[in-house]
Amino acid sequence: MKVIKFGGSSMADAKQFKKVANIVLSDPERRVVVVSAPGKRGDNDTKVTDLLINLAGTVRDGGDVSAALEQVVGRYAAIARDLKLDRSIVDTIRADIASRIENRNPDFVRFLDCMKAAGEDNSAKLMAAYLNSRGHKAEYVDPKDAGLFLSEEFGNAQVLPKSYELLKKLPERDSIIVFPGFFGYSENGDVVTFSRGGSDVTGGILAAALGADVYENFTDVDFVYAANPHIVDNPFPIPLFTYEEMRELSYGGFSVLHEEALAPVYSLGIPVNIRNTNNPDAPGTFIVADDKAPKSTFPVVGIAADKGFMTIHVYKYMMNREIGFGRRLLQILEEEAVSYEHTPSGIDSISIIVREANCPPEKLERIIARIRDSLGVNSVHVVKDQAIVMLVGRGMTKSVGIAARAAEAFNRAGININMINQGSSEVSIMFGVEAKDAKPAVKALYEEFFD
């Protein structure tokens, strides 16, 4: 069995729906299909998920709900019309979204998750209807009925362990299963979503639960490349990554795969195949377990960059002699519900790198005040607009001078390194730079290690 997932660009319009259906029907092992909400049809278009977020905000603010609702329904109606589907499927979609509005939770965070999930949910209903119209037995499956239960972390949920046992029953259905990505249900019955791009995570969960032979993730590129094609012209295609390499790159800004998508399949060693909906004959890139990968011939296989970080710098003289200082510092973040990314340190200083989105201004002010008052530090200050640049490759463990070459590349490009950190596995080296230097940093490293 293969679990197969299609991203938003693959679901953008009727032409893409037809391509998806052809790919699914070309292989009888593709029994479980995970779909995203319709994405952009062009550069100036808007994703359905963003239309739904706008609709939720309009409902909250008392604006013109009917116009915002028709924008969303219109996207599905256009696809259904071009696929020559019965009008009843559009009526079903309109009624579903209207019901979500009418029965909305007064807590906007919960309501927003419920609205965002409508994108994938109705995309799955539409795809199932289209497959049936072509004479193939297909079935839309509600994640609640299938048993996909998530933690009550709205907008950033994690799968609950009991889901895997419940989802094992899916193959008992005698049909092609069309499963909406991105969301599940809390144990209290609320709709809960993963973070954006979370349909990748849904596919990984289903592949693990069903013991799939392979998890095929269809997007809009033939391969995963060594660097972002929007930054580097014609970057080197990489036919194979290990789980650890891809996890590091996804964390560092590779948008081709959600950074948490590999977690479900990791322990089972299920390979992931990134492929192109617009060119399904291309073999794509495989992501495999570390012990299944052949010996690497390149020291570096990928370069990624991500913005939106800030650094909290804490200085206290004789910090290294104060037992429990680090624990008490991180406990403040824990109590404020802020996760940290990295903590580079010196003898009398420590820096905490967090994502700006997780630490809004009022929360940041409170954290700084608590650090000053409870830890008796000499100084604490914040530097915003930071970026993290990742240099990744398991071949680095056998190569000398990688960090020196990277530093020299930055030097030639006139980029200042604010921070450098290498993990104990030596699979990646992370550099902290100013956000404005993120793209130049990727170019500089690519020229050094690939050109």
Protein backbone atom coordinates (compact mmCIF):
# COMPACT_ATOMS: atom_id res chain seq x y z
CA MET A 1 0.00 0.00 0.00
CA LYS A 2 1.06 3.56 -0.75
CA VAL A 3 -0.16 6.63 1.06
CA ILE A 4 -0.14 9.56 -1.35
CA LYS A 5 -0.47 13.25 -0.49
CA PHE A 6 -1.12 16.23 -2.77
CA GLY A 7 -0.26 19.81 -1.87
CA GLY A 8 -2.20 22.99 -2.53
CA SER A 9 -0.67 23.65 -5.96
CA SER A 10 -1.84 20.17 -7.02
CA MET A 11 -5.43 21.02 -6.02
CA ALA A 12 -5.60 24.59 -7.34
CA ASP A 13 -8.05 24.10 -10.20
CA ALA A 14 -9.88 21.51 -12.30
CA LYS A 15 -6.86 20.89 -14.53
CA GLN A 16 -4.82 19.98 -11.47
CA PHE A 17 -7.65 17.82 -10.06
CA LYS A 18 -7.55 15.79 -13.28
CA LYS A 19 -3.79 15.30 -12.97
CA VAL A 20 -4.22 14.15 -9.37
CA ALA A 21 -6.92 11.67 -10.32
CA ASN A 22 -4.80 10.27 -13.16
CA ILE A 23 -1.87 9.75 -10.78
CA VAL A 24 -4.05 8.03 -8.18
CA LEU A 25 -5.74 5.76 -10.73
CA SER A 26 -2.47 4.82 -12.46
CA ASP A 27 -1.39 2.63 -9.53
CA PRO A 28 -3.76 0.28 -7.64
CA GLU A 29 -1.47 0.46 -4.60
CA ARG A 30 -2.42 4.13 -4.14
CA ARG A 31 -5.32 3.39 -1.85
CA VAL A 32 -5.12 6.29 0.61
CA VAL A 33 -5.09 9.84 -0.76
CA VAL A 34 -4.48 12.90 1.43
CA VAL A 35 -5.41 16.27 -0.07
CA SER A 36 -4.70 19.89 0.79
CA ALA A 37 -6.93 22.91 0.27
CA PRO A 38 -6.81 24.48 -3.21
CA GLY A 39 -3.71 26.66 -3.53
CA LYS A 40 -2.85 29.57 -5.78
CA ARG A 41 -3.71 29.39 -9.48
CA GLY A 42 -1.13 32.08 -10.24
CA ASP A 43 1.14 34.63 -8.63
CA ASN A 44 -1.68 37.10 -7.95
CA ASP A 45 -4.15 34.53 -6.65
CA THR A 46 -5.06 33.71 -3.02
CA LYS A 47 -4.97 30.30 -1.37
CA VAL A 48 -8.32 28.98 -0.13
CA THR A 49 -6.89 28.68 3.41
CA ASP A 50 -6.15 32.41 3.38
CA LEU A 51 -9.67 33.13 2.08
CA LEU A 52 -11.04 31.12 5.00
CA ILE A 53 -8.88 33.01 7.48
CA ASN A 54 -10.22 36.25 6.01
CA LEU A 55 -13.78 34.91 6.25
CA ALA A 56 -13.29 34.01 9.91
CA GLY A 57 -12.01 37.52 10.61
CA THR A 58 -14.96 39.04 8.77
CA VAL A 59 -17.37 37.00 10.90
CA ARG A 60 -15.60 38.14 14.07
CA ASP A 61 -15.58 41.80 13.02
CA GLY A 62 -19.17 41.86 11.77
CA GLY A 63 -18.28 42.58 8.14
CA ASP A 64 -19.92 41.46 4.89
CA VAL A 65 -19.95 37.72 5.48
CA SER A 66 -21.91 36.84 2.33
CA ALA A 67 -19.27 38.30 0.00
CA ALA A 68 -16.39 36.61 1.85
CA LEU A 69 -18.29 33.30 1.90
CA GLU A 70 -18.96 33.44 -1.85
CA GLN A 71 -15.25 34.01 -2.49
CA VAL A 72 -14.50 30.68 -0.84
CA VAL A 73 -17.41 28.73 -2.32
CA GLY A 74 -16.67 30.23 -5.73
CA ARG A 75 -13.27 28.51 -5.82
CA TYR A 76 -14.85 25.10 -5.31
CA ALA A 77 -17.74 25.90 -7.66
CA ALA A 78 -15.30 26.74 -10.47
CA ILE A 79 -13.50 23.43 -10.02
CA ALA A 80 -16.77 21.46 -9.88
CA ARG A 81 -18.10 23.22 -12.98
CA ASP A 82 -14.96 22.53 -15.02
CA LEU A 83 -14.99 18.90 -13.88
CA LYS A 84 -18.66 18.69 -14.97
CA LEU A 85 -19.76 17.54 -11.51
CA ASP A 86 -23.33 17.71 -10.27
CA ARG A 87 -24.21 21.03 -8.63
CA SER A 88 -25.14 19.20 -5.44
CA ILE A 89 -21.48 18.95 -4.34
CA VAL A 90 -21.21 22.76 -4.37
CA ASP A 91 -24.40 23.00 -2.31
CA THR A 92 -22.87 20.55 0.17
CA ILE A 93 -19.71 22.66 0.46
CA ARG A 94 -21.65 25.91 0.91
CA ALA A 95 -23.83 24.34 3.60
CA ASP A 96 -20.76 22.98 5.41
CA ILE A 97 -19.02 26.36 5.61
CA ALA A 98 -22.22 28.17 6.53
CA SER A 99 -22.80 25.66 9.33
CA ARG A 100 -19.33 26.31 10.72
CA ILE A 101 -20.16 30.01 10.88
CA GLU A 102 -23.61 29.52 12.39
CA ASN A 103 -22.37 27.11 15.07
CA ARG A 104 -19.11 28.94 15.74
CA ASN A 105 -17.29 28.68 19.02
CA PRO A 106 -17.14 32.03 20.89
CA ASP A 107 -13.41 31.42 21.38
CA PHE A 108 -11.94 32.85 18.16
CA VAL A 109 -8.86 30.59 18.27
CA ARG A 110 -11.10 27.50 18.19
CA PHE A 111 -13.39 29.04 15.58
CA LEU A 112 -10.41 29.91 13.36
CA ASP A 113 -9.14 26.31 13.41
CA CYS A 114 -12.61 25.07 12.48
CA MET A 115 -12.75 27.50 9.54
CA LYS A 116 -9.23 26.78 8.30
CA ALA A 117 -9.96 23.04 8.27
CA ALA A 118 -12.86 23.62 5.86
CA GLY A 119 -10.31 24.04 3.05
CA GLU A 120 -8.95 20.51 3.19
CA ASP A 121 -12.25 18.98 4.29
CA ASN A 122 -14.19 20.21 1.27
CA SER A 123 -11.29 19.60 -1.08
CA ALA A 124 -11.47 15.91 -0.07
CA LYS A 125 -15.23 15.80 -0.65
CA LEU A 126 -14.76 17.30 -4.10
CA MET A 127 -11.96 14.89 -5.04
CA ALA A 128 -13.99 11.86 -3.89
CA ALA A 129 -16.94 13.07 -5.98
CA TYR A 130 -14.71 13.48 -9.03
CA LEU A 131 -13.16 10.00 -8.71
CA ASN A 132 -16.65 8.51 -8.43
CA SER A 133 -17.76 10.46 -11.52
CA ARG A 134 -15.00 8.67 -13.42
CA GLY A 135 -16.40 5.30 -12.45
CA HIS A 136 -14.09 4.47 -9.54
CA LYS A 137 -15.28 3.77 -6.03
CA ALA A 138 -13.91 6.50 -3.80
CA GLU A 139 -14.91 7.57 -0.31
CA TYR A 140 -14.39 10.79 1.62
CA VAL A 141 -13.40 9.94 5.19
CA ASP A 142 -13.91 12.34 8.08
CA PRO A 143 -10.81 12.35 10.36
CA LYS A 144 -13.12 12.10 13.37
CA ASP A 145 -14.74 8.92 12.08
CA ALA A 146 -11.33 7.47 11.23
CA GLY A 147 -9.91 8.26 14.68
CA LEU A 148 -7.38 11.04 14.07
CA PHE A 149 -7.20 12.68 17.50
CA LEU A 150 -4.88 15.59 18.27
CA SER A 151 -3.72 17.59 21.26
CA GLU A 152 -5.67 20.74 22.14
CA GLU A 153 -2.97 23.02 20.74
CA PHE A 154 -5.03 25.02 18.28
CA GLY A 155 -3.04 25.92 15.19
CA ASN A 156 -0.08 23.80 16.28
CA ALA A 157 -1.44 20.39 17.31
CA GLN A 158 0.32 17.06 17.70
CA VAL A 159 -1.11 13.61 17.11
CA LEU A 160 -2.24 11.58 20.14
CA PRO A 161 -0.74 8.06 20.30
CA LYS A 162 -4.14 6.32 20.35
CA SER A 163 -4.80 7.58 16.81
CA TYR A 164 -2.41 5.08 15.24
CA GLU A 165 -4.37 2.06 16.48
CA LEU A 166 -7.70 3.57 15.38
CA LEU A 167 -6.43 4.53 11.91
CA LYS A 168 -5.27 0.96 11.24
CA LYS A 169 -8.88 0.09 10.35
CA LEU A 170 -8.91 2.32 7.27
CA PRO A 171 -7.85 -0.42 4.78
CA GLU A 172 -10.99 -2.37 5.68
CA ARG A 173 -12.92 0.05 3.46
CA ASP A 174 -13.36 -1.32 -0.07
CA SER A 175 -12.65 1.93 -1.88
CA ILE A 176 -10.09 4.61 -2.60
CA ILE A 177 -9.90 6.61 0.63
CA VAL A 178 -9.79 10.39 0.24
CA PHE A 179 -8.66 11.90 3.52
CA PRO A 180 -8.46 15.64 4.26
CA GLY A 181 -5.07 16.80 5.49
CA PHE A 182 -4.10 19.46 8.04
CA PHE A 183 -6.59 18.76 10.82
CA GLY A 184 -8.04 16.27 13.26
CA TYR A 185 -10.15 16.43 16.41
CA SER A 186 -9.46 16.94 20.07
CA GLU A 187 -10.81 14.40 22.52
CA ASN A 188 -13.49 16.99 23.36
CA GLY A 189 -14.67 17.02 19.75
CA ASP A 190 -13.16 20.34 18.63
CA VAL A 191 -11.52 20.70 15.24
CA VAL A 192 -7.77 21.22 15.72
CA THR A 193 -5.20 21.96 13.01
CA PHE A 194 -1.52 21.36 12.66
CA SER A 195 0.66 24.36 11.80
CA ARG A 196 0.48 25.63 8.21
CA GLY A 197 1.53 23.00 5.70
CA GLY A 198 0.30 20.32 8.08
CA SER A 199 -1.23 18.11 5.38
CA ASP A 200 2.29 16.67 5.08
CA VAL A 201 1.98 15.62 8.72
CA THR A 202 -1.39 13.95 8.10
CA GLY A 203 0.16 11.91 5.30
CA GLY A 204 3.04 10.84 7.54
CA ILE A 205 0.65 9.78 10.30
CA LEU A 206 -1.46 7.68 7.93
CA ALA A 207 1.63 6.09 6.33
CA ALA A 208 2.87 5.07 9.78
CA ALA A 209 -0.52 3.85 11.02
CA LEU A 210 -1.07 1.72 7.92
CA GLY A 211 2.51 0.48 7.62
CA ALA A 212 2.71 1.83 4.06
CA ASP A 213 5.48 0.66 1.75
CA VAL A 214 6.12 4.27 0.75
CA TYR A 215 4.70 7.71 1.48
CA GLU A 216 4.46 9.64 -1.80
CA ASN A 217 4.29 13.40 -1.35
CA PHE A 218 3.33 15.18 -4.58
CA THR A 219 4.14 18.84 -4.97
CA ASP A 220 5.25 21.07 -7.89
CA VAL A 221 8.97 20.25 -8.28
CA ASP A 222 10.75 17.30 -9.92
CA PHE A 223 13.28 16.98 -7.10
CA VAL A 224 14.26 18.49 -3.81
CA TYR A 225 17.10 20.80 -4.68
CA ALA A 226 20.27 21.74 -2.83
CA ALA A 227 18.92 25.27 -2.34
CA ASN A 228 15.72 27.24 -2.90
CA PRO A 229 15.24 27.72 -6.71
CA HIS A 230 13.79 31.17 -5.95
CA ILE A 231 17.17 32.19 -4.50
CA VAL A 232 19.67 30.19 -6.58
CA ASP A 233 19.30 29.72 -10.35
CA ASN A 234 19.08 26.07 -11.42
CA PRO A 235 20.23 24.55 -8.14
CA PHE A 236 21.65 21.05 -8.01
CA PRO A 237 18.95 18.33 -7.73
CA ILE A 238 19.42 15.89 -4.85
CA PRO A 239 17.95 12.42 -5.51
CA LEU A 240 18.28 11.17 -1.93
CA PHE A 241 18.33 12.59 1.60
CA THR A 242 18.30 10.88 4.96
CA TYR A 243 15.58 11.59 7.51
CA GLU A 244 18.01 13.59 9.62
CA GLU A 245 19.21 15.72 6.72
CA MET A 246 15.69 16.50 5.56
CA ARG A 247 14.50 17.28 9.07
CA GLU A 248 17.32 19.81 9.48
CA LEU A 249 16.58 21.41 6.11
CA SER A 250 12.82 21.57 6.72
CA TYR A 251 13.46 23.24 10.05
CA GLY A 252 15.81 25.67 8.31
CA GLY A 253 13.21 26.85 5.80
CA PHE A 254 12.88 24.17 3.10
CA SER A 255 9.20 24.60 2.25
CA VAL A 256 8.96 21.40 0.21
CA LEU A 257 8.10 19.32 3.32
CA HIS A 258 6.71 20.23 6.74
CA GLU A 259 9.40 19.88 9.40
CA GLU A 260 7.23 17.47 11.47
CA ALA A 261 6.14 15.26 8.56
CA LEU A 262 8.94 12.73 9.02
CA ALA A 263 8.34 12.12 12.73
CA PRO A 264 5.59 9.48 12.25
CA VAL A 265 7.50 7.43 9.65
CA TYR A 266 10.95 7.79 11.22
CA SER A 267 10.77 4.91 13.70
CA LEU A 268 9.28 2.55 11.09
CA GLY A 269 11.78 3.42 8.36
CA ILE A 270 9.06 4.14 5.78
CA PRO A 271 10.63 5.94 2.80
CA VAL A 272 9.17 9.23 1.61
CA ASN A 273 9.17 10.05 -2.10
CA ILE A 274 8.84 13.74 -3.09
CA ARG A 275 7.37 13.91 -6.60
CA ASN A 276 5.88 16.36 -9.10
CA THR A 277 2.17 16.35 -9.92
CA ASN A 278 2.96 18.16 -13.19
CA ASN A 279 5.61 15.62 -14.18
CA PRO A 280 4.66 12.31 -12.54
CA ASP A 281 7.18 10.31 -14.56
CA ALA A 282 10.10 12.01 -12.82
CA PRO A 283 11.49 9.74 -10.08
CA GLY A 284 11.69 12.58 -7.57
CA THR A 285 13.69 12.63 -4.37
CA PHE A 286 13.67 9.83 -1.81
CA ILE A 287 14.04 10.41 1.93
CA VAL A 288 15.19 7.26 3.69
CA ALA A 289 16.44 5.98 7.03
CA ASP A 290 20.07 6.77 7.76
CA ASP A 291 21.11 3.10 7.64
CA LYS A 292 19.42 2.65 4.24
CA ALA A 293 21.30 5.47 2.54
CA PRO A 294 24.42 4.79 0.48
CA LYS A 295 27.65 6.51 1.42
CA SER A 296 27.47 10.23 0.67
CA THR A 297 29.80 11.58 -2.02
CA PHE A 298 29.13 15.23 -1.12
CA PRO A 299 30.03 16.87 2.19
CA VAL A 300 27.00 19.16 1.86
CA VAL A 301 23.63 18.21 0.34
CA GLY A 302 21.49 21.21 1.16
CA ILE A 303 21.42 24.85 2.25
CA ALA A 304 18.37 26.49 3.81
CA ALA A 305 17.48 29.77 5.48
CA ASP A 306 14.53 30.91 7.57
CA LYS A 307 13.68 34.34 8.96
CA GLY A 308 11.52 35.43 11.87
CA PHE A 309 13.86 34.77 14.80
CA MET A 310 15.01 36.95 17.66
CA THR A 311 17.69 36.51 20.30
CA ILE A 312 17.37 37.25 24.00
CA HIS A 313 20.90 37.96 25.28
CA VAL A 314 21.39 37.49 29.04
CA TYR A 315 24.60 38.50 30.87
CA LYS A 316 25.47 37.81 34.50
CA TYR A 317 28.98 37.89 35.92
CA MET A 318 30.02 34.45 37.29
CA MET A 319 26.99 32.81 35.71
CA ASN A 320 28.91 29.56 35.27
CA ARG A 321 29.22 29.14 39.07
CA GLU A 322 25.52 29.59 39.74
CA ILE A 323 23.93 26.16 39.94
CA GLY A 324 20.48 25.97 38.33
CA PHE A 325 20.68 29.30 36.48
CA GLY A 326 19.94 27.80 33.06
CA ARG A 327 17.03 25.76 34.39
CA ARG A 328 15.44 28.79 36.07
CA LEU A 329 15.93 30.89 32.94
CA LEU A 330 14.27 28.34 30.68
CA GLN A 331 11.52 27.79 33.25
CA ILE A 332 10.45 31.41 32.72
CA LEU A 333 9.94 30.66 29.02
CA GLU A 334 8.10 27.45 29.87
CA GLU A 335 5.71 29.27 32.20
CA GLU A 336 5.09 31.85 29.47
CA ALA A 337 4.41 29.04 26.94
CA VAL A 338 7.33 30.01 24.68
CA SER A 339 9.46 27.29 23.12
CA TYR A 340 13.10 28.05 22.41
CA GLU A 341 15.12 27.05 19.38
CA HIS A 342 18.76 27.26 20.52
CA THR A 343 20.76 28.38 23.54
CA PRO A 344 24.39 29.20 22.64
CA SER A 345 26.32 30.29 25.73
CA GLY A 346 29.58 31.63 27.13
CA ILE A 347 31.07 31.73 30.64
CA ASP A 348 28.98 34.67 31.82
CA SER A 349 26.36 34.89 29.08
CA ILE A 350 23.66 32.89 27.44
CA SER A 351 21.54 33.65 24.38
CA ILE A 352 18.09 32.22 23.78
CA ILE A 353 16.86 32.10 20.20
CA VAL A 354 13.07 32.03 19.77
CA ARG A 355 10.69 32.55 16.90
CA GLU A 356 9.21 36.04 16.94
CA ALA A 357 5.76 34.64 16.15
CA ASN A 358 5.81 32.70 19.44
CA CYS A 359 6.70 35.72 21.53
CA PRO A 360 4.51 38.79 20.87
CA PRO A 361 5.60 42.17 22.31
CA GLU A 362 3.57 42.08 25.52
CA LYS A 363 4.80 38.58 26.34
CA LEU A 364 8.39 39.55 25.53
CA GLU A 365 8.22 42.53 27.91
CA ARG A 366 6.96 40.25 30.65
CA ILE A 367 9.73 37.71 30.05
CA ILE A 368 12.44 40.38 30.15
CA ALA A 369 11.04 41.81 33.38
CA ARG A 370 10.94 38.37 34.98
CA ILE A 371 14.54 37.63 33.94
CA ARG A 372 15.71 40.90 35.49
CA ASP A 373 13.71 40.57 38.68
CA SER A 374 14.09 36.89 39.52
CA LEU A 375 17.58 36.09 38.20
CA GLY A 376 19.45 39.24 39.19
CA VAL A 377 21.23 39.56 35.85
CA ASN A 378 23.58 42.38 34.90
CA SER A 379 21.87 42.94 31.57
CA VAL A 380 19.28 41.49 29.22
CA HIS A 381 18.54 42.78 25.74
CA VAL A 382 16.79 41.56 22.61
CA VAL A 383 17.94 41.56 18.98
CA LYS A 384 15.14 41.07 16.43
CA ASP A 385 15.04 40.47 12.67
CA GLN A 386 17.38 37.50 12.79
CA ALA A 387 17.67 34.57 10.37
CA ILE A 388 19.02 31.07 10.70
CA VAL A 389 21.01 29.54 7.84
CA MET A 390 21.51 25.77 7.80
CA LEU A 391 24.34 23.93 6.08
CA VAL A 392 23.40 20.24 6.00
CA GLY A 393 25.07 17.00 4.95
CA ARG A 394 26.08 13.76 6.64
CA GLY A 395 29.25 13.85 4.57
CA MET A 396 30.48 16.71 6.75
CA THR A 397 31.42 14.21 9.46
CA LYS A 398 34.20 12.89 7.21
CA SER A 399 35.29 16.24 5.78
CA VAL A 400 37.76 18.70 7.26
CA GLY A 401 37.37 22.47 7.04
CA ILE A 402 33.66 22.79 6.24
CA ALA A 403 33.09 25.54 8.83
CA ALA A 404 36.19 27.39 7.62
CA ARG A 405 34.98 27.29 4.03
CA ALA A 406 31.55 28.56 5.10
CA ALA A 407 33.06 31.38 7.13
CA GLU A 408 35.24 32.41 4.19
CA ALA A 409 32.18 32.39 1.90
CA PHE A 410 30.40 34.73 4.31
CA ASN A 411 33.49 36.92 4.46
CA ARG A 412 33.64 37.28 0.67
CA ALA A 413 29.94 38.23 0.63
CA GLY A 414 30.38 40.78 3.42
CA ILE A 415 28.01 38.93 5.77
CA ASN A 416 28.55 39.08 9.52
CA ILE A 417 27.99 35.86 11.49
CA ASN A 418 26.14 36.56 14.74
CA MET A 419 26.17 32.97 15.94
CA ILE A 420 27.43 29.54 14.88
CA ASN A 421 26.35 26.18 16.26
CA GLN A 422 27.09 22.61 15.22
CA GLY A 423 25.03 19.72 16.53
CA SER A 424 26.66 16.71 18.14
CA SER A 425 25.69 14.56 15.13
CA GLU A 426 27.74 16.91 12.90
CA VAL A 427 25.08 16.59 10.20
CA SER A 428 24.42 20.33 10.22
CA ILE A 429 26.04 23.66 10.99
CA MET A 430 23.73 26.54 11.89
CA PHE A 431 24.62 30.19 11.37
CA GLY A 432 22.78 33.17 12.81
CA VAL A 433 22.75 36.25 10.58
CA GLU A 434 20.64 39.37 10.17
CA ALA A 435 17.39 38.73 8.29
CA LYS A 436 18.46 40.98 5.40
CA ASP A 437 21.48 38.70 4.84
CA ALA A 438 19.51 35.43 4.62
CA LYS A 439 19.32 35.20 0.82
CA PRO A 440 22.88 36.45 0.19
CA ALA A 441 24.07 33.88 2.73
CA VAL A 442 22.40 31.03 0.87
CA LYS A 443 23.90 32.23 -2.42
CA ALA A 444 27.36 32.53 -0.89
CA LEU A 445 27.27 29.02 0.59
CA TYR A 446 25.88 27.53 -2.63
CA GLU A 447 28.67 29.07 -4.68
CA GLU A 448 31.24 27.68 -2.25
CA PHE A 449 29.95 24.11 -2.01
CA PHE A 450 28.19 23.50 -5.35
CA ASP A 451 29.37 25.89 -8.06
